[in-house]
Amino acid sequence: LSTGSCLSRRRISDLAKLSALVDIKPEVREALRKAPQSVVALEST
């Protein structure tokens, strides 16, 4: 069992809880898997 995702650093139980509440856009999810440094967060307020 091995993953390259930055999200994989969390425990599996934490990931399950997070995925139940958070939707990560496919474009962003792919970037986080390959190169999380390339993602720029933007606020919505």
All heavy atoms as atom14 arrays in JSON, in Angstrom:
{
  "sequence": "LSTGSCLSRRRISDLAKLSALVDIKPEVREALRKAPQSVVALEST",
  "atom14_mask": [
    [1, 1, 1, 1, 1, 1, 1, 1, 0, 0, 0, 0, 0, 0],
    [1, 1, 1, 1, 1, 1, 0, 0, 0, 0, 0, 0, 0, 0],
    [1, 1, 1, 1, 1, 1, 1, 0, 0, 0, 0, 0, 0, 0],
    [1, 1, 1, 1, 0, 0, 0, 0, 0, 0, 0, 0, 0, 0],
    [1, 1, 1, 1, 1, 1, 0, 0, 0, 0, 0, 0, 0, 0],
    [1, 1, 1, 1, 1, 1, 0, 0, 0, 0, 0, 0, 0, 0],
    [1, 1, 1, 1, 1, 1, 1, 1, 0, 0, 0, 0, 0, 0],
    [1, 1, 1, 1, 1, 1, 0, 0, 0, 0, 0, 0, 0, 0],
    [1, 1, 1, 1, 1, 1, 1, 1, 1, 1, 1, 0, 0, 0],
    [1, 1, 1, 1, 1, 1, 1, 1, 1, 1, 1, 0, 0, 0],
    [1, 1, 1, 1, 1, 1, 1, 1, 1, 1, 1, 0, 0, 0],
    [1, 1, 1, 1, 1, 1, 1, 1, 0, 0, 0, 0, 0, 0],
    [1, 1, 1, 1, 1, 1, 0, 0, 0, 0, 0, 0, 0, 0],
    [1, 1, 1, 1, 1, 1, 1, 1, 0, 0, 0, 0, 0, 0],
    [1, 1, 1, 1, 1, 1, 1, 1, 0, 0, 0, 0, 0, 0],
    [1, 1, 1, 1, 1, 0, 0, 0, 0, 0, 0, 0, 0, 0],
    [1, 1, 1, 1, 1, 1, 1, 1, 1, 0, 0, 0, 0, 0],
    [1, 1, 1, 1, 1, 1, 1, 1, 0, 0, 0, 0, 0, 0],
    [1, 1, 1, 1, 1, 1, 0, 0, 0, 0, 0, 0, 0, 0],
    [1, 1, 1, 1, 1, 0, 0, 0, 0, 0, 0, 0, 0, 0],
    [1, 1, 1, 1, 1, 1, 1, 1, 0, 0, 0, 0, 0, 0],
    [1, 1, 1, 1, 1, 1, 1, 0, 0, 0, 0, 0, 0, 0],
    [1, 1, 1, 1, 1, 1, 1, 1, 0, 0, 0, 0, 0, 0],
    [1, 1, 1, 1, 1, 1, 1, 1, 0, 0, 0, 0, 0, 0],
    [1, 1, 1, 1, 1, 1, 1, 1, 1, 0, 0, 0, 0, 0],
    [1, 1, 1, 1, 1, 1, 1, 0, 0, 0, 0, 0, 0, 0],
    [1, 1, 1, 1, 1, 1, 1, 1, 1, 0, 0, 0, 0, 0],
    [1, 1, 1, 1, 1, 1, 1, 0, 0, 0, 0, 0, 0, 0],
    [1, 1, 1, 1, 1, 1, 1, 1, 1, 1, 1, 0, 0, 0],
    [1, 1, 1, 1, 1, 1, 1, 1, 1, 0, 0, 0, 0, 0],
    [1, 1, 1, 1, 1, 0, 0, 0, 0, 0, 0, 0, 0, 0],
    [1, 1, 1, 1, 1, 1, 1, 1, 0, 0, 0, 0, 0, 0],
    [1, 1, 1, 1, 1, 1, 1, 1, 1, 1, 1, 0, 0, 0],
    [1, 1, 1, 1, 1, 1, 1, 1, 1, 0, 0, 0, 0, 0],
    [1, 1, 1, 1, 1, 0, 0, 0, 0, 0, 0, 0, 0, 0],
    [1, 1, 1, 1, 1, 1, 1, 0, 0, 0, 0, 0, 0, 0],
    [1, 1, 1, 1, 1, 1, 1, 1, 1, 0, 0, 0, 0, 0],
    [1, 1, 1, 1, 1, 1, 0, 0, 0, 0, 0, 0, 0, 0],
    [1, 1, 1, 1, 1, 1, 1, 0, 0, 0, 0, 0, 0, 0],
    [1, 1, 1, 1, 1, 1, 1, 0, 0, 0, 0, 0, 0, 0],
    [1, 1, 1, 1, 1, 0, 0, 0, 0, 0, 0, 0, 0, 0],
    [1, 1, 1, 1, 1, 1, 1, 1, 0, 0, 0, 0, 0, 0],
    [1, 1, 1, 1, 1, 1, 1, 1, 1, 0, 0, 0, 0, 0],
    [1, 1, 1, 1, 1, 1, 0, 0, 0, 0, 0, 0, 0, 0],
    [1, 1, 1, 1, 1, 1, 1, 0, 0, 0, 0, 0, 0, 0]
  ],
  "atom14_positions": [
    [[0.85, -1.19, 0.0], [0.0, 0.0, 0.0], [0.88, 1.23, 0.0], [1.7, 1.42, 0.87], [-0.91, 0.01, 1.24], [-1.8, 1.22, 1.41], [-2.76, 1.32, 0.23], [-2.58, 1.14, 2.72], [0.0, 0.0, 0.0], [0.0, 0.0, 0.0], [0.0, 0.0, 0.0], [0.0, 0.0, 0.0], [0.0, 0.0, 0.0], [0.0, 0.0, 0.0]],
    [[0.71, 2.05, -1.03], [1.5, 3.28, -1.13], [0.71, 4.31, -1.89], [-0.03, 3.99, -2.81], [2.81, 3.0, -1.87], [3.51, 4.2, -2.07], [0.0, 0.0, 0.0], [0.0, 0.0, 0.0], [0.0, 0.0, 0.0], [0.0, 0.0, 0.0], [0.0, 0.0, 0.0], [0.0, 0.0, 0.0], [0.0, 0.0, 0.0], [0.0, 0.0, 0.0]],
    [[0.81, 5.57, -1.51], [0.14, 6.64, -2.24], [1.08, 7.8, -2.42], [1.98, 8.02, -1.62], [-1.12, 7.15, -1.5], [-0.71, 7.82, -0.33], [-2.07, 6.02, -1.15], [0.0, 0.0, 0.0], [0.0, 0.0, 0.0], [0.0, 0.0, 0.0], [0.0, 0.0, 0.0], [0.0, 0.0, 0.0], [0.0, 0.0, 0.0], [0.0, 0.0, 0.0]],
    [[0.85, 8.61, -3.47], [1.67, 9.79, -3.72], [0.95, 11.07, -3.35], [1.44, 12.15, -3.58], [0.0, 0.0, 0.0], [0.0, 0.0, 0.0], [0.0, 0.0, 0.0], [0.0, 0.0, 0.0], [0.0, 0.0, 0.0], [0.0, 0.0, 0.0], [0.0, 0.0, 0.0], [0.0, 0.0, 0.0], [0.0, 0.0, 0.0], [0.0, 0.0, 0.0]],
    [[-0.26, 10.97, -2.78], [-1.07, 12.15, -2.49], [-0.63, 12.82, -1.22], [-0.27, 12.17, -0.24], [-2.54, 11.76, -2.36], [-3.29, 12.81, -1.84], [0.0, 0.0, 0.0], [0.0, 0.0, 0.0], [0.0, 0.0, 0.0], [0.0, 0.0, 0.0], [0.0, 0.0, 0.0], [0.0, 0.0, 0.0], [0.0, 0.0, 0.0], [0.0, 0.0, 0.0]],
    [[-0.67, 14.17, -1.21], [-0.37, 14.9, 0.02], [-1.44, 14.61, 1.06], [-1.18, 14.66, 2.25], [-0.28, 16.4, -0.25], [-1.84, 17.2, -0.58], [0.0, 0.0, 0.0], [0.0, 0.0, 0.0], [0.0, 0.0, 0.0], [0.0, 0.0, 0.0], [0.0, 0.0, 0.0], [0.0, 0.0, 0.0], [0.0, 0.0, 0.0], [0.0, 0.0, 0.0]],
    [[-2.66, 14.29, 0.6], [-3.73, 13.99, 1.54], [-3.48, 12.68, 2.25], [-4.04, 12.44, 3.33], [-5.08, 13.91, 0.79], [-5.54, 15.18, 0.12], [-6.88, 14.95, -0.57], [-5.66, 16.31, 1.11], [0.0, 0.0, 0.0], [0.0, 0.0, 0.0], [0.0, 0.0, 0.0], [0.0, 0.0, 0.0], [0.0, 0.0, 0.0], [0.0, 0.0, 0.0]],
    [[-2.64, 11.79, 1.68], [-2.41, 10.49, 2.29], [-1.65, 10.59, 3.59], [-1.51, 9.59, 4.29], [-1.68, 9.59, 1.3], [-0.37, 10.1, 1.08], [0.0, 0.0, 0.0], [0.0, 0.0, 0.0], [0.0, 0.0, 0.0], [0.0, 0.0, 0.0], [0.0, 0.0, 0.0], [0.0, 0.0, 0.0], [0.0, 0.0, 0.0], [0.0, 0.0, 0.0]],
    [[-1.12, 11.76, 3.89], [-0.41, 11.92, 5.15], [-1.37, 11.85, 6.34], [-0.96, 11.66, 7.47], [0.35, 13.26, 5.16], [1.36, 13.39, 4.02], [2.2, 14.64, 4.16], [2.99, 14.85, 2.95], [2.81, 15.84, 2.13], [1.87, 16.73, 2.36], [3.56, 15.99, 1.06], [0.0, 0.0, 0.0], [0.0, 0.0, 0.0], [0.0, 0.0, 0.0]],
    [[-2.62, 12.07, 6.1], [-3.62, 11.95, 7.16], [-3.92, 10.48, 7.42], [-3.76, 9.64, 6.56], [-4.92, 12.65, 6.76], [-4.82, 14.15, 6.76], [-6.14, 14.73, 6.27], [-6.2, 16.14, 6.59], [-6.66, 16.63, 7.72], [-7.11, 15.83, 8.64], [-6.68, 17.93, 7.94], [0.0, 0.0, 0.0], [0.0, 0.0, 0.0], [0.0, 0.0, 0.0]],
    [[-4.4, 10.18, 8.6], [-4.85, 8.83, 8.87], [-6.07, 8.52, 8.02], [-6.86, 9.39, 7.7], [-5.2, 8.69, 10.35], [-4.01, 8.84, 11.28], [-4.42, 8.77, 12.73], [-5.41, 9.81, 13.03], [-6.02, 9.9, 14.21], [-5.78, 9.04, 15.14], [-6.9, 10.88, 14.42], [0.0, 0.0, 0.0], [0.0, 0.0, 0.0], [0.0, 0.0, 0.0]],
    [[-6.26, 7.23, 7.71], [-7.36, 6.85, 6.84], [-8.7, 7.26, 7.45], [-9.6, 7.71, 6.76], [-7.33, 5.33, 6.59], [-6.09, 4.97, 5.76], [-8.59, 4.85, 5.88], [-5.91, 3.5, 5.52], [0.0, 0.0, 0.0], [0.0, 0.0, 0.0], [0.0, 0.0, 0.0], [0.0, 0.0, 0.0], [0.0, 0.0, 0.0], [0.0, 0.0, 0.0]],
    [[-8.82, 7.13, 8.77], [-10.08, 7.5, 9.42], [-10.36, 8.99, 9.27], [-11.49, 9.41, 9.06], [-10.03, 7.13, 10.91], [-8.95, 7.79, 11.55], [0.0, 0.0, 0.0], [0.0, 0.0, 0.0], [0.0, 0.0, 0.0], [0.0, 0.0, 0.0], [0.0, 0.0, 0.0], [0.0, 0.0, 0.0], [0.0, 0.0, 0.0], [0.0, 0.0, 0.0]],
    [[-9.3, 9.81, 9.35], [-9.47, 11.25, 9.19], [-9.87, 11.58, 7.76], [-10.69, 12.46, 7.51], [-8.17, 11.99, 9.54], [-7.86, 11.95, 11.02], [-8.79, 11.69, 11.8], [-6.7, 12.16, 11.4], [0.0, 0.0, 0.0], [0.0, 0.0, 0.0], [0.0, 0.0, 0.0], [0.0, 0.0, 0.0], [0.0, 0.0, 0.0], [0.0, 0.0, 0.0]],
    [[-9.27, 10.86, 6.8], [-9.61, 11.08, 5.4], [-11.07, 10.78, 5.13], [-11.75, 11.5, 4.4], [-8.74, 10.19, 4.51], [-7.39, 10.76, 4.08], [-6.59, 9.69, 3.36], [-7.56, 11.96, 3.21], [0.0, 0.0, 0.0], [0.0, 0.0, 0.0], [0.0, 0.0, 0.0], [0.0, 0.0, 0.0], [0.0, 0.0, 0.0], [0.0, 0.0, 0.0]],
    [[-11.56, 9.7, 5.73], [-12.95, 9.32, 5.52], [-13.89, 10.4, 6.04], [-14.87, 10.76, 5.4], [-13.24, 7.98, 6.19], [0.0, 0.0, 0.0], [0.0, 0.0, 0.0], [0.0, 0.0, 0.0], [0.0, 0.0, 0.0], [0.0, 0.0, 0.0], [0.0, 0.0, 0.0], [0.0, 0.0, 0.0], [0.0, 0.0, 0.0], [0.0, 0.0, 0.0]],
    [[-13.57, 10.94, 7.21], [-14.39, 11.99, 7.79], [-14.34, 13.25, 6.93], [-15.35, 13.91, 6.7], [-13.92, 12.31, 9.21], [-14.16, 11.18, 10.21], [-13.59, 11.55, 11.57], [-13.75, 10.4, 12.55], [-13.14, 10.73, 13.87], [0.0, 0.0, 0.0], [0.0, 0.0, 0.0], [0.0, 0.0, 0.0], [0.0, 0.0, 0.0], [0.0, 0.0, 0.0]],
    [[-13.14, 13.57, 6.45], [-12.97, 14.78, 5.65], [-13.73, 14.67, 4.32], [-14.41, 15.6, 3.92], [-11.48, 15.01, 5.38], [-11.09, 16.27, 4.62], [-11.5, 17.5, 5.42], [-9.6, 16.29, 4.34], [0.0, 0.0, 0.0], [0.0, 0.0, 0.0], [0.0, 0.0, 0.0], [0.0, 0.0, 0.0], [0.0, 0.0, 0.0], [0.0, 0.0, 0.0]],
    [[-13.63, 13.52, 3.67], [-14.28, 13.35, 2.38], [-15.79, 13.41, 2.49], [-16.48, 13.67, 1.5], [-13.85, 12.03, 1.73], [-14.29, 10.94, 2.53], [0.0, 0.0, 0.0], [0.0, 0.0, 0.0], [0.0, 0.0, 0.0], [0.0, 0.0, 0.0], [0.0, 0.0, 0.0], [0.0, 0.0, 0.0], [0.0, 0.0, 0.0], [0.0, 0.0, 0.0]],
    [[-16.31, 13.16, 3.68], [-17.76, 13.21, 3.87], [-18.27, 14.64, 3.92], [-19.47, 14.88, 3.79], [-18.14, 12.48, 5.16], [0.0, 0.0, 0.0], [0.0, 0.0, 0.0], [0.0, 0.0, 0.0], [0.0, 0.0, 0.0], [0.0, 0.0, 0.0], [0.0, 0.0, 0.0], [0.0, 0.0, 0.0], [0.0, 0.0, 0.0], [0.0, 0.0, 0.0]],
    [[-17.37, 15.6, 4.08], [-17.77, 17.0, 4.23], [-17.18, 17.92, 3.17], [-17.68, 19.03, 2.97], [-17.36, 17.51, 5.62], [-17.94, 16.78, 6.83], [-17.28, 17.28, 8.11], [-19.45, 16.96, 6.9], [0.0, 0.0, 0.0], [0.0, 0.0, 0.0], [0.0, 0.0, 0.0], [0.0, 0.0, 0.0], [0.0, 0.0, 0.0], [0.0, 0.0, 0.0]],
    [[-16.1, 17.47, 2.54], [-15.35, 18.34, 1.63], [-15.37, 17.79, 0.21], [-15.14, 16.59, -0.01], [-13.88, 18.48, 2.1], [-13.09, 19.35, 1.14], [-13.83, 19.06, 3.51], [0.0, 0.0, 0.0], [0.0, 0.0, 0.0], [0.0, 0.0, 0.0], [0.0, 0.0, 0.0], [0.0, 0.0, 0.0], [0.0, 0.0, 0.0], [0.0, 0.0, 0.0]],
    [[-15.67, 18.66, -0.75], [-15.61, 18.3, -2.17], [-14.41, 18.99, -2.79], [-14.33, 20.22, -2.8], [-16.88, 18.75, -2.91], [-18.13, 18.05, -2.4], [-18.02, 16.88, -1.99], [-19.2, 18.69, -2.41], [0.0, 0.0, 0.0], [0.0, 0.0, 0.0], [0.0, 0.0, 0.0], [0.0, 0.0, 0.0], [0.0, 0.0, 0.0], [0.0, 0.0, 0.0]],
    [[-13.47, 18.2, -3.31], [-12.31, 18.76, -3.98], [-12.52, 18.63, -5.48], [-12.71, 17.53, -6.0], [-11.01, 18.04, -3.55], [-10.84, 18.13, -2.03], [-9.8, 18.64, -4.26], [-9.6, 17.43, -1.51], [0.0, 0.0, 0.0], [0.0, 0.0, 0.0], [0.0, 0.0, 0.0], [0.0, 0.0, 0.0], [0.0, 0.0, 0.0], [0.0, 0.0, 0.0]],
    [[-12.5, 19.75, -6.17], [-12.7, 19.77, -7.61], [-11.67, 18.87, -8.29], [-10.49, 18.87, -7.9], [-12.56, 21.21, -8.1], [-12.96, 21.45, -9.54], [-12.84, 22.94, -9.87], [-13.23, 23.25, -11.3], [-13.06, 24.7, -11.61], [0.0, 0.0, 0.0], [0.0, 0.0, 0.0], [0.0, 0.0, 0.0], [0.0, 0.0, 0.0], [0.0, 0.0, 0.0]],
    [[-12.07, 18.07, -9.29], [-11.13, 17.15, -9.94], [-9.82, 17.79, -10.37], [-8.74, 17.21, -10.17], [-11.94, 16.64, -11.14], [-13.35, 16.69, -10.68], [-13.44, 17.93, -9.81], [0.0, 0.0, 0.0], [0.0, 0.0, 0.0], [0.0, 0.0, 0.0], [0.0, 0.0, 0.0], [0.0, 0.0, 0.0], [0.0, 0.0, 0.0], [0.0, 0.0, 0.0]],
    [[-9.89, 18.98, -10.95], [-8.68, 19.69, -11.38], [-7.73, 19.92, -10.2], [-6.51, 19.74, -10.31], [-9.07, 21.03, -12.01], [-7.91, 21.94, -12.34], [-8.35, 23.36, -12.68], [-9.46, 23.77, -12.28], [-7.58, 24.05, -13.37], [0.0, 0.0, 0.0], [0.0, 0.0, 0.0], [0.0, 0.0, 0.0], [0.0, 0.0, 0.0], [0.0, 0.0, 0.0]],
    [[-8.31, 20.3, -9.06], [-7.51, 20.57, -7.87], [-7.0, 19.27, -7.25], [-5.86, 19.17, -6.81], [-8.33, 21.38, -6.84], [-7.52, 21.61, -5.57], [-8.79, 22.71, -7.44], [0.0, 0.0, 0.0], [0.0, 0.0, 0.0], [0.0, 0.0, 0.0], [0.0, 0.0, 0.0], [0.0, 0.0, 0.0], [0.0, 0.0, 0.0], [0.0, 0.0, 0.0]],
    [[-7.87, 18.26, -7.21], [-7.47, 16.97, -6.64], [-6.27, 16.39, -7.39], [-5.34, 15.86, -6.8], [-8.64, 15.99, -6.68], [-8.34, 14.62, -6.06], [-9.54, 13.71, -6.12], [-10.61, 14.17, -5.27], [-10.68, 13.95, -3.97], [-9.7, 13.27, -3.37], [-11.69, 14.4, -3.25], [0.0, 0.0, 0.0], [0.0, 0.0, 0.0], [0.0, 0.0, 0.0]],
    [[-6.32, 16.48, -8.71], [-5.22, 15.95, -9.52], [-3.93, 16.73, -9.24], [-2.85, 16.14, -9.14], [-5.59, 16.05, -11.01], [-4.52, 15.51, -11.96], [-4.34, 14.0, -11.88], [-5.1, 13.34, -11.15], [-3.42, 13.49, -12.55], [0.0, 0.0, 0.0], [0.0, 0.0, 0.0], [0.0, 0.0, 0.0], [0.0, 0.0, 0.0], [0.0, 0.0, 0.0]],
    [[-4.05, 18.04, -9.1], [-2.86, 18.85, -8.81], [-2.31, 18.52, -7.42], [-1.1, 18.43, -7.23], [-3.2, 20.34, -8.9], [0.0, 0.0, 0.0], [0.0, 0.0, 0.0], [0.0, 0.0, 0.0], [0.0, 0.0, 0.0], [0.0, 0.0, 0.0], [0.0, 0.0, 0.0], [0.0, 0.0, 0.0], [0.0, 0.0, 0.0], [0.0, 0.0, 0.0]],
    [[-3.19, 18.32, -6.44], [-2.74, 17.97, -5.1], [-2.05, 16.61, -5.09], [-1.12, 16.38, -4.31], [-3.93, 17.96, -4.13], [-4.5, 19.33, -3.74], [-5.76, 19.16, -2.91], [-3.47, 20.16, -2.99], [0.0, 0.0, 0.0], [0.0, 0.0, 0.0], [0.0, 0.0, 0.0], [0.0, 0.0, 0.0], [0.0, 0.0, 0.0], [0.0, 0.0, 0.0]],
    [[-2.5, 15.71, -5.96], [-1.88, 14.39, -6.03], [-0.5, 14.46, -6.68], [0.44, 13.82, -6.21], [-2.79, 13.44, -6.83], [-2.3, 11.99, -6.86], [-3.23, 11.1, -7.66], [-3.12, 11.36, -9.08], [-2.17, 10.83, -9.87], [-1.25, 10.05, -9.35], [-2.14, 11.1, -11.15], [0.0, 0.0, 0.0], [0.0, 0.0, 0.0], [0.0, 0.0, 0.0]],
    [[-0.38, 15.24, -7.73], [0.87, 15.3, -8.47], [1.85, 16.32, -7.91], [3.05, 16.04, -7.78], [0.59, 15.64, -9.94], [-0.08, 14.52, -10.73], [-0.22, 14.94, -12.19], [-0.8, 13.8, -13.02], [-0.92, 14.19, -14.46], [0.0, 0.0, 0.0], [0.0, 0.0, 0.0], [0.0, 0.0, 0.0], [0.0, 0.0, 0.0], [0.0, 0.0, 0.0]],
    [[1.37, 17.51, -7.64], [2.26, 18.61, -7.21], [1.47, 19.61, -6.39], [1.0, 20.62, -6.92], [2.89, 19.27, -8.43], [0.0, 0.0, 0.0], [0.0, 0.0, 0.0], [0.0, 0.0, 0.0], [0.0, 0.0, 0.0], [0.0, 0.0, 0.0], [0.0, 0.0, 0.0], [0.0, 0.0, 0.0], [0.0, 0.0, 0.0], [0.0, 0.0, 0.0]],
    [[1.29, 19.34, -5.1], [0.48, 20.24, -4.27], [0.99, 21.67, -4.21], [0.24, 22.6, -3.94], [0.52, 19.57, -2.89], [1.71, 18.66, -2.93], [1.81, 18.19, -4.35], [0.0, 0.0, 0.0], [0.0, 0.0, 0.0], [0.0, 0.0, 0.0], [0.0, 0.0, 0.0], [0.0, 0.0, 0.0], [0.0, 0.0, 0.0], [0.0, 0.0, 0.0]],
    [[2.3, 21.84, -4.49], [2.86, 23.19, -4.47], [2.27, 24.09, -5.54], [2.36, 25.32, -5.47], [4.38, 23.14, -4.65], [5.1, 22.17, -3.73], [5.3, 20.82, -4.39], [4.49, 20.39, -5.2], [6.37, 20.13, -4.0], [0.0, 0.0, 0.0], [0.0, 0.0, 0.0], [0.0, 0.0, 0.0], [0.0, 0.0, 0.0], [0.0, 0.0, 0.0]],
    [[1.68, 23.49, -6.58], [1.2, 24.27, -7.72], [-0.19, 24.86, -7.51], [-0.68, 25.59, -8.36], [1.17, 23.39, -8.98], [0.19, 22.36, -8.84], [0.0, 0.0, 0.0], [0.0, 0.0, 0.0], [0.0, 0.0, 0.0], [0.0, 0.0, 0.0], [0.0, 0.0, 0.0], [0.0, 0.0, 0.0], [0.0, 0.0, 0.0], [0.0, 0.0, 0.0]],
    [[-0.83, 24.57, -6.38], [-2.2, 25.02, -6.15], [-2.2, 26.35, -5.39], [-1.46, 26.52, -4.42], [-3.0, 23.97, -5.35], [-4.44, 24.43, -5.15], [-2.98, 22.62, -6.08], [0.0, 0.0, 0.0], [0.0, 0.0, 0.0], [0.0, 0.0, 0.0], [0.0, 0.0, 0.0], [0.0, 0.0, 0.0], [0.0, 0.0, 0.0], [0.0, 0.0, 0.0]],
    [[-3.05, 27.28, -5.85], [-3.21, 28.58, -5.18], [-4.64, 28.68, -4.66], [-5.6, 28.63, -5.43], [-2.92, 29.74, -6.15], [-3.19, 31.09, -5.46], [-1.48, 29.68, -6.64], [0.0, 0.0, 0.0], [0.0, 0.0, 0.0], [0.0, 0.0, 0.0], [0.0, 0.0, 0.0], [0.0, 0.0, 0.0], [0.0, 0.0, 0.0], [0.0, 0.0, 0.0]],
    [[-4.77, 28.81, -3.35], [-6.1, 28.98, -2.75], [-6.58, 30.41, -2.95], [-5.79, 31.36, -2.95], [-6.04, 28.64, -1.26], [0.0, 0.0, 0.0], [0.0, 0.0, 0.0], [0.0, 0.0, 0.0], [0.0, 0.0, 0.0], [0.0, 0.0, 0.0], [0.0, 0.0, 0.0], [0.0, 0.0, 0.0], [0.0, 0.0, 0.0], [0.0, 0.0, 0.0]],
    [[-7.9, 30.56, -3.11], [-8.53, 31.88, -3.26], [-9.73, 31.93, -2.33], [-10.48, 30.96, -2.22], [-8.98, 32.09, -4.71], [-7.89, 31.97, -5.79], [-8.52, 31.88, -7.17], [-6.92, 33.14, -5.71], [0.0, 0.0, 0.0], [0.0, 0.0, 0.0], [0.0, 0.0, 0.0], [0.0, 0.0, 0.0], [0.0, 0.0, 0.0], [0.0, 0.0, 0.0]],
    [[-9.92, 33.04, -1.67], [-11.04, 33.15, -0.75], [-12.32, 33.5, -1.5], [-12.29, 33.9, -2.67], [-10.76, 34.21, 0.31], [-10.67, 35.62, -0.24], [-10.97, 36.68, 0.8], [-12.15, 36.82, 1.16], [-10.02, 37.38, 1.23], [0.0, 0.0, 0.0], [0.0, 0.0, 0.0], [0.0, 0.0, 0.0], [0.0, 0.0, 0.0], [0.0, 0.0, 0.0]],
    [[-13.46, 33.36, -0.82], [-14.74, 33.64, -1.47], [-15.56, 34.74, -0.81], [-16.58, 35.16, -1.35], [-15.59, 32.36, -1.54], [-15.7, 31.76, -0.25], [0.0, 0.0, 0.0], [0.0, 0.0, 0.0], [0.0, 0.0, 0.0], [0.0, 0.0, 0.0], [0.0, 0.0, 0.0], [0.0, 0.0, 0.0], [0.0, 0.0, 0.0], [0.0, 0.0, 0.0]],
    [[-15.11, 35.25, 0.33], [-15.87, 36.34, 0.94], [-15.79, 37.61, 0.09], [-16.67, 38.48, 0.16], [-15.39, 36.63, 2.38], [-16.35, 37.44, 3.05], [-14.06, 37.34, 2.38], [0.0, 0.0, 0.0], [0.0, 0.0, 0.0], [0.0, 0.0, 0.0], [0.0, 0.0, 0.0], [0.0, 0.0, 0.0], [0.0, 0.0, 0.0], [0.0, 0.0, 0.0]]
  ]
}
